[in-house]
Protein backbone atom coordinates (compact mmCIF):
# COMPACT_ATOMS: atom_id res chain seq x y z
CA MET A 1 115.83 76.08 99.33
CA LEU A 2 116.11 77.76 102.73
CA GLU A 3 115.94 81.17 101.02
CA PHE A 4 112.78 80.07 99.24
CA VAL A 5 111.18 78.89 102.50
CA SER A 6 112.10 82.15 104.25
CA GLN A 7 110.60 84.20 101.45
CA LEU A 8 107.50 82.01 101.51
CA ILE A 9 107.06 82.76 105.21
CA ASN A 10 107.53 86.49 104.57
CA GLY A 11 105.01 86.34 101.74
CA LEU A 12 102.42 84.59 103.88
CA ALA A 13 102.89 87.16 106.65
CA ILE A 14 102.27 90.18 104.42
CA GLY A 15 99.65 88.14 102.56
CA ASN A 16 97.59 88.07 105.77
CA VAL A 17 97.46 91.86 105.65
CA TYR A 18 96.44 91.90 101.99
CA ALA A 19 93.76 89.32 102.80
CA LEU A 20 92.28 91.54 105.52
CA LEU A 21 92.16 94.50 103.15
CA ALA A 22 90.69 92.31 100.41
CA LEU A 23 87.95 91.10 102.75
CA GLY A 24 86.99 94.72 103.40
CA TYR A 25 86.65 95.37 99.67
CA THR A 26 84.66 92.16 99.23
CA LEU A 27 82.18 92.95 102.01
CA VAL A 28 81.52 96.50 100.80
CA PHE A 29 81.22 95.47 97.18
CA GLY A 30 78.88 92.64 98.06
CA VAL A 31 76.45 94.85 99.98
CA ALA A 32 76.83 98.25 98.28
CA ARG A 33 78.20 97.31 94.81
CA LEU A 34 80.91 99.88 95.42
CA ILE A 35 84.69 99.88 95.17
CA ASN A 36 85.76 101.72 98.31
CA PHE A 37 88.98 103.49 97.34
CA ALA A 38 89.17 104.96 100.85
CA GLN A 39 89.86 101.53 102.36
CA GLY A 40 93.61 102.13 102.14
CA SER A 41 93.27 105.42 104.00
CA VAL A 42 91.34 103.70 106.79
CA PHE A 43 94.18 101.17 106.93
CA MET A 44 96.64 104.04 107.41
CA PHE A 45 94.38 105.67 110.01
CA GLY A 46 94.29 102.48 112.09
CA ALA A 47 98.09 102.28 112.08
CA TYR A 48 98.39 105.88 113.30
CA ILE A 49 95.80 105.43 116.04
CA ALA A 50 97.78 102.45 117.37
CA TRP A 51 101.04 104.41 117.11
CA THR A 52 99.52 107.34 119.01
CA ALA A 53 98.19 105.07 121.74
CA VAL A 54 101.54 103.32 122.24
CA ALA A 55 104.09 106.07 121.56
CA LEU A 56 102.26 109.07 123.03
CA TRP A 57 99.79 107.64 125.54
CA ASN A 58 101.99 104.73 126.70
CA LEU A 59 99.20 102.19 126.35
CA PRO A 60 100.02 98.48 125.93
CA LEU A 61 100.19 97.33 122.32
CA GLY A 62 97.26 94.94 122.78
CA LEU A 63 94.99 97.71 124.06
CA ALA A 64 96.22 100.04 121.31
CA PHE A 65 95.36 97.35 118.77
CA VAL A 66 91.77 97.13 120.01
CA LEU A 67 91.46 100.93 120.12
CA ALA A 68 92.72 101.21 116.53
CA VAL A 69 90.20 98.65 115.28
CA LEU A 70 87.30 100.38 117.07
CA CYS A 71 88.30 103.85 115.84
CA SER A 72 88.67 102.54 112.29
CA ALA A 73 85.21 100.98 112.45
CA LEU A 74 83.73 104.26 113.68
CA LEU A 75 85.49 106.08 110.84
CA GLY A 76 83.91 103.65 108.37
CA LEU A 77 80.45 104.36 109.80
CA LEU A 78 81.08 108.12 109.60
CA MET A 79 82.27 107.90 105.99
CA ASP A 80 79.15 106.01 104.97
CA ALA A 81 76.81 108.41 106.77
CA VAL A 82 78.39 111.63 105.54
CA ALA A 83 79.68 110.91 102.05
CA LEU A 84 78.22 107.68 100.68
CA ARG A 85 74.69 107.02 101.90
CA PRO A 86 73.33 110.35 100.54
CA LEU A 87 74.53 109.30 97.06
CA GLN A 88 72.74 105.95 96.87
CA LYS A 89 70.16 107.26 94.41
CA GLY A 90 72.56 109.46 92.46
CA PRO A 91 74.71 108.72 89.41
CA GLN A 92 76.75 105.53 89.51
CA ILE A 93 79.98 107.49 89.41
CA ALA A 94 79.17 109.60 92.48
CA PRO A 95 79.98 107.07 95.28
CA LEU A 96 83.20 106.05 93.55
CA LEU A 97 84.36 109.67 93.29
CA SER A 98 83.31 110.23 96.90
CA THR A 99 85.59 107.45 98.13
CA LEU A 100 88.44 109.00 96.14
CA ALA A 101 87.68 112.36 97.76
CA LEU A 102 87.60 110.77 101.21
CA SER A 103 90.97 109.16 100.53
CA ILE A 104 92.48 112.54 99.58
CA ILE A 105 91.08 114.19 102.72
CA LEU A 106 92.18 111.44 105.12
CA ASP A 107 95.69 111.17 103.72
CA ARG A 108 96.31 114.90 103.91
CA ALA A 109 94.69 115.15 107.35
CA ALA A 110 97.12 112.49 108.58
CA GLU A 111 100.06 114.57 107.32
CA LEU A 112 98.75 117.64 109.13
CA ILE A 113 98.05 115.78 112.38
CA TRP A 114 101.07 113.46 112.57
CA SER A 115 103.45 115.15 110.04
CA PRO A 116 104.58 113.67 106.70
CA ALA A 117 107.66 112.11 108.32
CA THR A 118 107.96 108.36 108.72
CA ARG A 119 107.25 107.27 112.28
CA SER A 120 108.98 104.39 114.02
CA PHE A 121 106.28 101.96 115.11
CA PRO A 122 107.03 100.44 118.53
CA SER A 123 107.03 96.64 118.31
CA PRO A 124 108.22 94.90 121.50
CA LEU A 125 108.45 91.56 119.70
CA ALA A 126 110.71 92.78 116.88
CA GLY A 127 113.91 91.31 118.33
CA THR A 128 112.56 87.81 118.94
CA VAL A 129 113.47 85.35 116.17
CA TRP A 130 113.42 81.55 116.10
CA ARG A 131 115.26 79.23 113.76
CA VAL A 132 113.13 76.36 112.52
CA GLY A 133 114.90 73.85 110.28
CA GLY A 134 117.24 76.46 108.86
CA ALA A 135 114.50 79.04 108.22
CA PHE A 136 113.98 82.06 110.46
CA ILE A 137 110.58 82.94 111.91
CA SER A 138 110.13 86.09 113.96
CA ALA A 139 107.69 86.61 116.79
CA VAL A 140 106.09 89.37 114.71
CA ASP A 141 105.44 86.83 111.93
CA VAL A 142 103.72 84.56 114.43
CA VAL A 143 101.59 87.40 115.80
CA ILE A 144 100.58 88.46 112.28
CA PHE A 145 99.71 84.87 111.35
CA ALA A 146 97.70 84.42 114.54
CA ALA A 147 95.91 87.79 114.39
CA GLY A 148 95.16 87.46 110.68
CA LEU A 149 93.94 83.88 110.82
CA LEU A 150 91.87 84.46 113.97
CA THR A 151 90.27 87.54 112.43
CA MET A 152 89.46 85.71 109.21
CA ALA A 153 88.16 82.66 111.06
CA GLY A 154 86.02 84.87 113.29
CA LEU A 155 84.63 86.69 110.27
CA ALA A 156 83.80 83.39 108.58
CA TRP A 157 81.98 82.18 111.70
CA PHE A 158 80.16 85.50 112.03
CA LEU A 159 78.93 85.46 108.43
CA LYS A 160 77.81 81.83 108.51
CA SER A 161 76.49 81.33 112.03
CA THR A 162 74.96 84.58 113.29
CA TRP A 163 71.70 86.16 112.23
CA THR A 164 73.45 89.44 111.42
CA GLY A 165 76.04 87.64 109.32
CA LYS A 166 73.32 85.82 107.41
CA ALA A 167 71.59 89.16 106.87
CA ILE A 168 74.79 90.55 105.34
CA ARG A 169 75.04 87.55 103.02
CA ALA A 170 71.38 87.83 102.05
CA THR A 171 71.74 91.54 101.30
CA ALA A 172 74.80 90.86 99.18
CA GLN A 173 72.88 88.19 97.25
CA ASP A 174 69.70 90.21 96.62
CA PRO A 175 69.02 93.47 98.52
CA GLU A 176 65.39 93.74 97.40
CA ALA A 177 64.54 90.19 98.42
CA ALA A 178 66.34 90.70 101.73
CA GLN A 179 64.27 93.80 102.43
CA GLN A 180 61.05 91.96 101.59
CA VAL A 181 61.74 89.32 104.25
CA GLY A 182 62.25 91.97 106.92
CA ILE A 183 65.99 92.62 106.85
CA ASP A 184 66.93 96.23 107.56
CA VAL A 185 69.15 96.72 104.51
CA ALA A 186 70.24 100.22 105.58
CA ARG A 187 71.41 98.88 108.94
CA VAL A 188 73.22 96.01 107.25
CA ARG A 189 74.98 98.49 104.98
CA ARG A 190 76.14 100.58 107.95
CA LEU A 191 77.39 97.49 109.76
CA THR A 192 79.25 96.31 106.67
CA PHE A 193 81.09 99.60 106.26
CA GLY A 194 82.07 99.52 109.93
CA LEU A 195 83.20 95.91 109.69
CA ALA A 196 85.24 96.53 106.53
CA ALA A 197 86.89 99.58 108.10
CA GLY A 198 87.72 97.55 111.21
CA LEU A 199 89.44 94.97 109.02
CA GLY A 200 91.39 97.76 107.34
CA GLY A 201 92.49 99.16 110.70
CA THR A 202 93.59 95.68 111.79
CA GLY A 203 95.76 95.40 108.69
CA GLY A 204 97.29 98.81 109.35
CA VAL A 205 98.43 97.85 112.85
CA LEU A 206 99.87 94.55 111.61
CA VAL A 207 101.86 96.32 108.87
CA GLY A 208 103.19 98.78 111.44
CA MET A 209 104.36 95.87 113.56
CA TYR A 210 105.87 94.06 110.58
CA TYR A 211 107.87 96.94 109.07
CA GLN A 212 108.24 98.89 112.36
CA SER A 213 107.44 102.14 110.54
CA ILE A 214 104.40 103.98 109.22
CA PHE A 215 103.85 107.05 107.03
CA PRO A 216 100.76 109.02 105.88
CA SER A 217 100.94 107.97 102.22
CA MET A 218 101.05 104.24 103.01
CA GLY A 219 97.30 103.86 102.45
CA LEU A 220 97.25 104.15 98.66
CA PRO A 221 99.78 101.41 97.75
CA TYR A 222 98.42 98.97 100.32
CA GLY A 223 94.84 99.79 99.39
CA LEU A 224 95.57 99.08 95.73
CA LYS A 225 97.26 95.80 96.59
CA GLY A 226 94.36 94.81 98.80
CA PHE A 227 92.01 95.46 95.92
CA ALA A 228 94.28 93.51 93.57
CA ALA A 229 94.07 90.62 96.04
CA ALA A 230 90.27 90.88 96.15
CA LEU A 231 90.04 90.74 92.37
CA LEU A 232 92.60 87.94 92.15
CA GLY A 233 90.56 85.73 94.45
CA GLY A 234 87.16 86.97 93.31
CA ILE A 235 85.61 90.13 94.66
CA THR A 236 82.32 88.35 95.34
CA SER A 237 84.02 85.60 97.38
CA THR A 238 85.35 85.91 100.94
CA PRO A 239 87.45 82.70 100.69
CA GLY A 240 88.73 84.05 97.38
CA ALA A 241 89.78 87.31 99.05
CA VAL A 242 91.85 85.35 101.57
CA ALA A 243 93.42 83.18 98.87
CA GLY A 244 94.12 86.22 96.69
CA GLY A 245 95.85 88.02 99.55
CA MET A 246 98.05 85.05 100.34
CA LEU A 247 99.00 84.48 96.70
CA LEU A 248 99.80 88.14 96.14
CA GLY A 249 101.98 88.25 99.25
CA ILE A 250 103.90 85.16 98.11
CA PHE A 251 104.40 86.45 94.56
CA GLU A 252 105.62 89.82 95.85
CA SER A 253 108.06 88.29 98.30
CA LEU A 254 109.54 85.91 95.72
CA ALA A 255 109.81 88.68 93.11
CA SER A 256 111.60 90.94 95.60
CA ALA A 257 114.06 88.18 96.54
CA TYR A 258 114.88 86.83 93.09
CA ALA A 259 114.28 89.76 90.73
CA GLY A 260 114.99 92.78 92.93
CA THR A 261 113.00 95.07 95.20
CA GLY A 262 112.11 97.31 92.27
CA TYR A 263 109.88 94.55 90.91
CA ARG A 264 107.97 93.97 94.15
CA ASP A 265 105.22 96.49 93.45
CA LEU A 266 105.22 95.74 89.74
CA VAL A 267 104.08 92.17 90.45
CA ALA A 268 100.85 93.35 92.10
CA TYR A 269 99.79 95.58 89.23
CA VAL A 270 100.76 93.12 86.50
CA LEU A 271 98.77 90.42 88.29
CA LEU A 272 95.84 92.80 88.56
CA MET A 273 95.93 93.50 84.82
CA LEU A 274 96.13 89.80 83.98
CA VAL A 275 93.15 89.01 86.20
CA LEU A 276 91.08 91.82 84.71
CA LEU A 277 91.81 90.67 81.18
CA TRP A 278 91.52 86.91 81.41
CA ARG A 279 89.45 86.11 84.48
CA PRO A 280 87.79 89.26 85.84
CA ARG A 281 85.61 87.29 88.25
CA GLY A 282 88.78 85.96 89.94
CA LEU A 283 89.81 82.49 91.02
CA PHE A 284 86.77 81.84 93.22
CA GLY A 285 84.33 84.58 92.20
CA ASP A 286 81.04 84.10 90.41
CA ARG A 287 79.47 86.01 87.53
CA ARG A 288 77.67 88.61 89.65
CA LEU A 289 79.87 91.43 88.41
CA ASP A 290 77.35 93.73 86.79
CA GLY A 291 77.94 96.42 89.39
CA LEU A 292 81.66 96.21 88.85
CA GLY A 293 81.73 95.98 85.10
CA GLY A 294 83.73 93.15 83.62
CA SER A 295 84.89 91.70 80.38
CA GLN A 296 83.81 88.93 78.11
CA ALA A 297 84.19 86.30 80.77
CA ALA A 298 82.03 88.21 83.21
CA SER A 299 79.28 90.18 81.61
CA GLY A 300 78.83 89.30 78.02
CA ALA A 301 80.77 89.68 74.82
CA VAL A 302 80.40 93.45 74.70
CA PRO A 303 80.70 95.69 77.80
CA GLY A 304 77.65 97.85 78.37
CA THR A 305 76.81 101.24 79.83
CA SER A 306 79.47 103.44 81.42
CA PRO A 307 78.99 104.62 85.02
CA LEU A 308 79.31 108.12 83.53
CA ALA A 309 76.29 107.67 81.29
CA SER A 310 73.78 110.38 82.07
CA ALA A 311 76.02 111.63 84.84
CA ALA A 312 73.38 114.09 85.91
CA ALA A 313 70.80 111.41 86.53
CA GLY A 314 69.19 111.70 89.89
CA ALA A 315 69.92 115.41 90.13
CA ALA A 316 67.78 118.35 89.28
CA ALA A 317 68.23 119.85 85.83
CA PRO A 318 70.96 122.49 86.02
CA ARG A 319 69.85 126.09 85.77
CA PHE A 320 73.12 127.02 84.12
CA THR A 321 75.08 125.19 81.46
CA LEU A 322 78.29 126.58 79.99
CA ARG A 323 78.06 126.49 76.17
CA PRO A 324 80.38 129.21 74.87
CA ARG A 325 80.45 130.02 71.18
CA ALA A 326 83.68 130.16 69.21
CA TRP A 327 83.94 133.94 69.44
CA HIS A 328 83.39 133.78 73.22
CA VAL A 329 86.37 131.42 73.53
CA ALA A 330 88.50 133.55 71.20
CA ALA A 331 87.66 136.69 73.17
CA ALA A 332 88.47 134.98 76.48
CA LEU A 333 91.83 133.76 75.17
CA ALA A 334 92.66 137.20 73.77
CA LEU A 335 91.82 138.80 77.11
CA ALA A 336 93.91 136.21 78.95
CA ALA A 337 96.84 136.95 76.64
CA LEU A 338 96.98 140.49 78.06
CA LEU A 339 97.91 139.27 81.55
CA PRO A 340 101.72 139.59 81.13
CA LEU A 341 101.17 143.17 79.99
CA ALA A 342 99.23 143.93 83.15
CA THR A 343 101.74 142.44 85.62
CA ARG A 344 105.40 141.47 85.59
CA ASP A 345 105.19 139.77 88.97
CA PHE A 346 107.17 136.52 88.69
CA TYR A 347 105.03 134.57 91.13
CA ALA A 348 101.72 135.64 89.55
CA LEU A 349 102.92 134.66 86.08
CA GLN A 350 104.16 131.28 87.30
CA VAL A 351 100.76 130.59 88.84
CA ALA A 352 99.10 131.64 85.58
CA VAL A 353 101.30 129.32 83.48
CA THR A 354 100.59 126.41 85.84
CA ALA A 355 96.86 127.13 85.66
CA VAL A 356 96.87 127.11 81.84
CA ILE A 357 98.89 123.87 81.72
CA PHE A 358 96.51 122.08 84.08
CA GLY A 359 93.55 123.51 82.18
CA THR A 360 94.92 121.78 79.07
CA LEU A 361 95.49 118.58 81.04
CA ALA A 362 91.94 118.59 82.43
CA LEU A 363 90.60 119.19 78.91
CA SER A 364 92.52 116.13 77.67
CA LEU A 365 90.95 113.96 80.37
CA THR A 366 87.42 115.24 79.85
CA LEU A 367 87.57 113.93 76.28
CA ILE A 368 88.30 110.43 77.58
CA SER A 369 86.13 110.41 80.69
CA GLY A 370 83.40 112.89 79.88
CA SER A 371 82.83 112.25 76.19
CA ALA A 372 83.60 108.53 75.94
CA GLY A 373 82.72 107.52 79.50
CA GLN A 374 86.11 105.95 80.28
CA ILE A 375 87.01 106.84 83.87
CA SER A 376 90.79 107.04 83.77
CA LEU A 377 92.95 107.09 86.89
CA GLY A 378 96.14 106.63 84.90
CA HIS A 379 96.16 109.97 83.12
CA ALA A 380 99.22 111.18 85.02
CA ALA A 381 101.18 108.51 83.14
CA LEU A 382 100.42 110.18 79.80
CA PHE A 383 101.26 113.57 81.31
CA GLY A 384 104.56 112.07 82.48
CA VAL A 385 105.38 110.53 79.09
CA GLY A 386 105.15 113.99 77.53
CA ALA A 387 107.27 115.55 80.28
CA TYR A 388 110.01 112.91 80.15
CA THR A 389 110.09 113.01 76.35
CA THR A 390 110.69 116.74 76.49
CA ALA A 391 113.34 116.38 79.18
CA ILE A 392 115.29 113.78 77.19
CA LEU A 393 114.98 115.36 73.73
CA ALA A 394 115.63 118.93 74.86
CA ARG A 395 118.36 118.23 77.41
CA ASN A 396 120.21 115.30 75.84
CA PHE A 397 119.75 116.01 72.14
CA GLY A 398 119.15 119.77 72.01
CA LEU A 399 116.26 119.49 69.54
CA PRO A 400 114.15 122.57 68.70
CA SER A 401 110.90 122.96 70.59
CA GLU A 402 108.70 122.37 67.52
CA VAL A 403 110.14 118.86 67.28
CA VAL A 404 110.09 118.33 71.04
CA LEU A 405 106.44 119.36 71.45
CA ALA A 406 105.33 117.23 68.50
CA ALA A 407 107.30 114.21 69.70
CA SER A 408 105.99 114.60 73.26
CA GLY A 409 102.41 114.71 72.05
CA LEU A 410 102.82 111.80 69.63
CA LEU A 411 104.60 109.52 72.11
CA ALA A 412 101.95 110.28 74.74
CA ALA A 413 99.27 109.56 72.12
CA ALA A 414 100.91 106.19 71.42
CA ALA A 415 101.02 105.53 75.16
CA GLY A 416 97.33 106.46 75.35
CA VAL A 417 96.44 103.96 72.63
CA LEU A 418 98.47 101.28 74.44
CA THR A 419 96.67 102.19 77.67
CA SER A 420 93.35 101.65 75.93
CA LEU A 421 94.15 98.10 74.81
CA PRO A 422 93.59 96.44 78.22
CA THR A 423 90.37 98.43 78.72
CA LEU A 424 88.64 97.64 75.42
CA ARG A 425 87.10 94.44 76.79
CA LEU A 426 86.22 96.06 80.11
CA SER A 427 83.42 98.30 81.28
CA GLY A 428 82.15 100.05 84.35
CA HIS A 429 84.46 100.29 87.31
CA THR A 430 86.95 97.77 85.95
CA VAL A 431 88.07 100.49 83.53
CA VAL A 432 88.96 102.62 86.57
CA VAL A 433 90.98 99.80 88.06
CA ALA A 434 92.72 98.93 84.77
CA THR A 435 93.77 102.52 84.04
CA LEU A 436 94.92 102.92 87.63
CA ALA A 437 97.07 99.79 87.31
CA VAL A 438 98.54 101.02 84.01
CA GLY A 439 99.32 104.37 85.63
CA GLN A 440 101.09 102.65 88.51
CA ILE A 441 103.11 100.47 86.14
CA VAL A 442 104.24 103.50 84.12
CA HIS A 443 105.16 105.33 87.33
CA LEU A 444 107.29 102.34 88.36
CA VAL A 445 108.99 102.49 84.95
CA PHE A 446 109.81 106.17 85.57
CA LEU A 447 111.14 105.20 89.00
CA ASN A 448 113.25 102.17 88.04
CA TRP A 449 114.48 102.80 84.46
CA ILE A 450 117.45 104.70 85.85
CA SER A 451 119.55 104.64 82.67
CA VAL A 452 116.89 106.73 80.90
CA THR A 453 114.86 108.55 83.56
CA ARG A 454 117.54 108.79 86.32
CA GLY A 455 115.02 107.16 88.65
CA PRO A 456 114.00 109.06 91.80
CA MET A 457 116.70 111.70 91.16
CA GLY A 458 114.77 112.98 88.15
CA ILE A 459 116.14 114.90 85.16
CA PRO A 460 117.35 118.44 85.95
CA GLY A 461 118.63 121.19 83.69
CA ILE A 462 115.93 121.13 81.02
CA PRO A 463 116.67 124.13 78.76
CA ALA A 464 114.14 126.85 77.98
CA PRO A 465 112.01 126.43 74.85
CA GLU A 466 113.90 127.22 71.65
CA PHE A 467 111.96 127.38 68.38
CA ALA A 468 113.75 127.05 65.05
CA VAL A 469 111.37 129.60 63.52
CA ALA A 470 112.58 132.10 66.14
CA ALA A 471 116.27 131.47 65.41
CA ARG A 472 116.54 129.17 68.46
CA THR A 473 116.24 132.13 70.83
CA PRO A 474 115.69 130.73 74.37
CA LEU A 475 112.35 131.76 75.87
CA TRP A 476 113.56 132.38 79.40
CA ASP A 477 110.93 134.96 80.27
CA LEU A 478 107.84 133.65 82.07
CA SER A 479 105.59 135.75 79.86
CA HIS A 480 106.86 133.75 76.89
CA HIS A 481 106.07 130.49 78.72
CA TYR A 482 102.61 131.85 79.42
CA TRP A 483 101.88 132.78 75.81
CA LEU A 484 103.21 129.42 74.62
CA ALA A 485 100.97 127.58 77.10
CA LEU A 486 98.00 129.73 76.05
CA ALA A 487 98.66 128.94 72.38
CA VAL A 488 98.74 125.20 73.14
CA LEU A 489 95.49 125.55 75.09
CA ALA A 490 93.88 127.31 72.12
CA VAL A 491 94.97 124.46 69.84
CA ALA A 492 93.62 121.91 72.33
CA LEU A 493 90.26 123.69 72.51
CA PHE A 494 90.06 123.83 68.72
CA ILE A 495 90.86 120.13 68.33
CA GLY A 496 88.46 119.14 71.09
CA ARG A 497 85.56 121.23 69.76
CA ARG A 498 86.00 120.01 66.19
CA LEU A 499 86.08 116.40 67.35
CA LEU A 500 83.08 116.67 69.67
CA THR A 501 80.92 118.25 66.97
CA SER A 502 81.98 115.66 64.41
CA PRO A 503 80.53 112.18 63.84
CA MET A 504 83.41 110.85 65.93
CA GLY A 505 82.31 112.90 68.94
CA ARG A 506 78.74 111.69 68.56
CA ALA A 507 80.05 108.13 68.40
CA TRP A 508 81.99 108.64 71.64
CA ARG A 509 78.87 109.89 73.41
CA ALA A 510 76.84 106.97 72.05
CA ILE A 511 79.41 104.55 73.45
CA ARG A 512 79.27 106.35 76.79
CA GLU A 513 75.49 106.12 77.01
CA ASP A 514 75.08 102.52 75.82
CA ARG A 515 77.96 100.64 74.30
CA LEU A 516 75.79 97.65 73.37
CA ALA A 517 73.38 99.85 71.43
CA ALA A 518 76.25 101.72 69.77
CA GLN A 519 77.83 98.44 68.70
CA ALA A 520 74.49 97.22 67.38
CA ALA A 521 74.17 100.45 65.36
CA GLY A 522 77.42 99.66 63.59
CA ILE A 523 79.80 101.85 65.60
CA PRO A 524 83.20 100.11 65.99
CA ALA A 525 83.47 100.86 69.69
CA SER A 526 86.99 99.52 70.23
CA ARG A 527 88.39 101.62 67.39
CA TYR A 528 86.72 104.79 68.62
CA LEU A 529 87.84 104.20 72.21
CA SER A 530 91.44 103.74 71.07
CA LEU A 531 91.13 107.01 69.16
CA VAL A 532 89.85 108.95 72.16
CA TYR A 533 92.69 107.63 74.32
CA GLY A 534 95.10 108.65 71.57
CA VAL A 535 93.70 112.18 71.28
CA GLY A 536 93.56 112.60 75.06
CA GLY A 537 97.11 111.28 75.31
CA PHE A 538 98.34 113.71 72.65
CA LEU A 539 96.94 116.72 74.51
CA ALA A 540 98.20 115.38 77.86
CA GLY A 541 101.64 114.97 76.29
CA LEU A 542 101.63 118.61 75.17
CA ALA A 543 100.70 119.66 78.71
CA GLY A 544 103.51 117.48 80.08
CA SER A 545 105.98 119.06 77.69
CA LEU A 546 105.02 122.56 78.84
CA TYR A 547 105.26 121.42 82.47
CA ALA A 548 108.82 120.14 81.94
CA TYR A 549 109.85 123.38 80.23
CA LEU A 550 108.33 125.44 83.04
CA LEU A 551 110.03 123.62 85.93
CA SER A 552 113.27 122.71 84.09
CA PHE A 553 113.06 119.46 86.05
CA VAL A 554 110.98 116.27 86.03
CA SER A 555 110.81 113.40 88.52
CA PRO A 556 108.46 110.44 89.12
CA ASP A 557 106.86 112.20 92.10
CA SER A 558 104.97 114.54 89.76
CA PHE A 559 103.21 111.70 87.94
CA TYR A 560 101.85 109.51 90.72
CA THR A 561 98.23 108.43 91.14
CA ASP A 562 97.39 111.50 93.23
CA THR A 563 98.02 113.64 90.13
CA SER A 564 95.53 111.52 88.17
CA ILE A 565 92.98 111.96 90.96
CA LEU A 566 93.61 115.70 90.99
CA VAL A 567 93.05 115.97 87.23
CA LEU A 568 89.87 113.90 87.47
CA THR A 569 88.69 116.27 90.21
CA MET A 570 89.34 119.20 87.86
CA ALA A 571 87.35 117.56 85.06
CA VAL A 572 84.44 116.70 87.37
CA LEU A 573 84.41 120.21 88.83
CA GLY A 574 84.28 121.74 85.36
CA GLY A 575 81.69 119.31 84.01
CA LEU A 576 82.62 116.02 82.37
CA GLY A 577 82.54 116.37 78.61
CA ASN A 578 82.45 120.18 78.79
CA LEU A 579 85.69 121.53 77.31
CA ALA A 580 85.36 125.08 78.61
CA GLY A 581 84.28 123.79 82.01
CA ALA A 582 87.30 121.48 82.19
CA VAL A 583 89.65 124.38 81.46
CA ILE A 584 87.99 126.50 84.14
CA GLY A 585 88.04 123.63 86.65
CA GLY A 586 91.68 122.85 85.93
CA ALA A 587 92.80 126.46 86.11
CA ALA A 588 90.78 127.08 89.27
CA LEU A 589 92.08 124.10 91.24
CA ALA A 590 95.66 124.67 90.05
CA SER A 591 95.48 128.31 91.16
CA LEU A 592 93.52 127.84 94.37
CA PRO A 593 96.41 126.96 96.72
CA GLU A 594 98.51 129.76 95.26
CA LEU A 595 95.80 132.36 95.61
CA PHE A 596 95.25 131.34 99.24
CA ARG A 597 98.81 130.65 100.30
CA PRO A 598 98.02 130.68 104.04
CA LEU A 599 95.83 127.65 103.30
CA ALA A 600 98.44 125.93 101.12
CA ASP A 601 98.86 123.13 103.67
CA TYR A 602 95.16 122.37 103.27
CA ARG A 603 95.25 122.27 99.47
CA LEU A 604 94.50 118.56 99.09
CA ILE A 605 91.80 118.71 101.75
CA VAL A 606 90.20 121.55 99.79
CA TYR A 607 90.41 119.42 96.62
CA GLY A 608 88.73 116.53 98.39
CA LEU A 609 85.98 118.71 99.84
CA VAL A 610 85.37 120.35 96.46
CA LEU A 611 85.00 116.92 94.86
CA LEU A 612 82.66 115.73 97.63
CA VAL A 613 80.44 118.81 97.39
CA CYS A 614 80.43 118.66 93.60
CA VAL A 615 79.34 115.03 93.32
CA ARG A 616 76.78 115.54 96.08
CA PHE A 617 75.08 118.74 94.96
CA ARG A 618 76.05 119.27 91.31
CA PRO A 619 77.28 116.11 89.60
CA GLN A 620 77.07 118.03 86.30
CA GLY A 621 79.97 120.26 87.42
CA ILE A 622 80.31 124.01 86.97
CA GLY A 623 79.72 124.01 83.24
CA GLY A 624 77.30 121.09 83.06
CA THR A 625 77.79 117.88 81.13
CA GLU A 626 77.65 117.45 77.37
């Protein structure tokens, strides 16, 4: 019983942090109808500002706390002004992608400024612990409870009792009506982004105090859990955000204590999936979820238009659209095949193989996201399934590469179909969240299924490709890897082109543009969406297989959410739905850091900036959308 009470206290403490993050998501979604995926990065930024003030400038922790909150709020205002406000009249997908780009930039900037190493967060209260009825309560717990509850109570008073707070609530309820009665909606939006960022910074400082350590990549997991808490309580409800944060903290703490620490993170993502499927408006939310998407319980029996529908809306018609004919593609592939004859440089060939593999991976995603309108942030999971299948079958069983490649593609296709099942009743941005949760769950499987995947140690010693038709001769030479990857890319292009020009491809585009109309026209949307996830998974599995063969090693680190974001960036850069554009975008972004090695440390910042510029000035991508 005492253990249960102690874990309950721990859960409520971390639940306060989740509640603060959830409130930030709720405020921004209410006013801007936007999921701010950069909220976790602001949370991390606030923690580092406080650490800098205390550890380097020798400021008192209280003053550092205030400074961190103010700097975080200013960062929120800057993000809105630079990357979000200009996109208000653009495609629905643009602001969402911009927040992803901002998250990439901020996380990498933190590594460059403060180093990737974990920093010890100074907490003068860490050694103070009281025993209350057999349970232990630390001074840090008390401070977190007090700071969290005071912040939430102050926010509640602000929203209900002040004119500005009432203006925020009115704007969230009906922006047009609010503007008609004289409310400056643009000013309210700016204030809301600043307020949400301040809440994120507050949470970052509290987490630093609680765990006494911070690191640059802490923003993504905490940001996702904060969003899970917002959805659990109801993303349109501030009391729901608080309740969701507390419940999530309690569930996590109990799971960690009684099931093992490996299940702590799994609880958050499983809860998120359950909420999306059975009560997408949350415990206290209402039905105003049109901007978010939703399922049957939220926005009708059949989900409607994808945020990727008419992705070029709001932008000028592109002067150039990439529409290569079959012989153009064949000629380009034949020319590319000559590269190993032109150079034997090991490094250049390795870059070329990587570029071709990621070109195939970007092509697989553009089928799902560009053609069918399903924004997937779990694609790295399918990539990883293919890689791990190859590692196990080739290393442990010594199977020929024909069998290994086929099995990798088929298992990834099956995983893709399974990934689609939770999303079939969802639409809009909830698809993003669902695929992201699935990707995180699969990554945790890679990390914790040690008997099969070897956990964080990974699987080394993957042999070179050996084809039975070539008398099982190992293909050690990089030129052979390159030609194999190029052959797989050619097959992927052929499959993709045949599908997109078939009735199935037209059905996918119809579902993307208006799922309700497609369903009314007799198109079985769920069946076609499962098929596109299966095809995309098959091609991603082939890319994963080639990746495992190339590196001779796989580990969970290669298949985290940042890989999914990178692949989505490649697809957007090339032009969603444009196969040739996706290949060019994938190859370009995979090669970019290698071609400019002095800028290798800035690779992710370059990715983020490319994505920002692309969604701002050419949402159609390099090749244009199809």
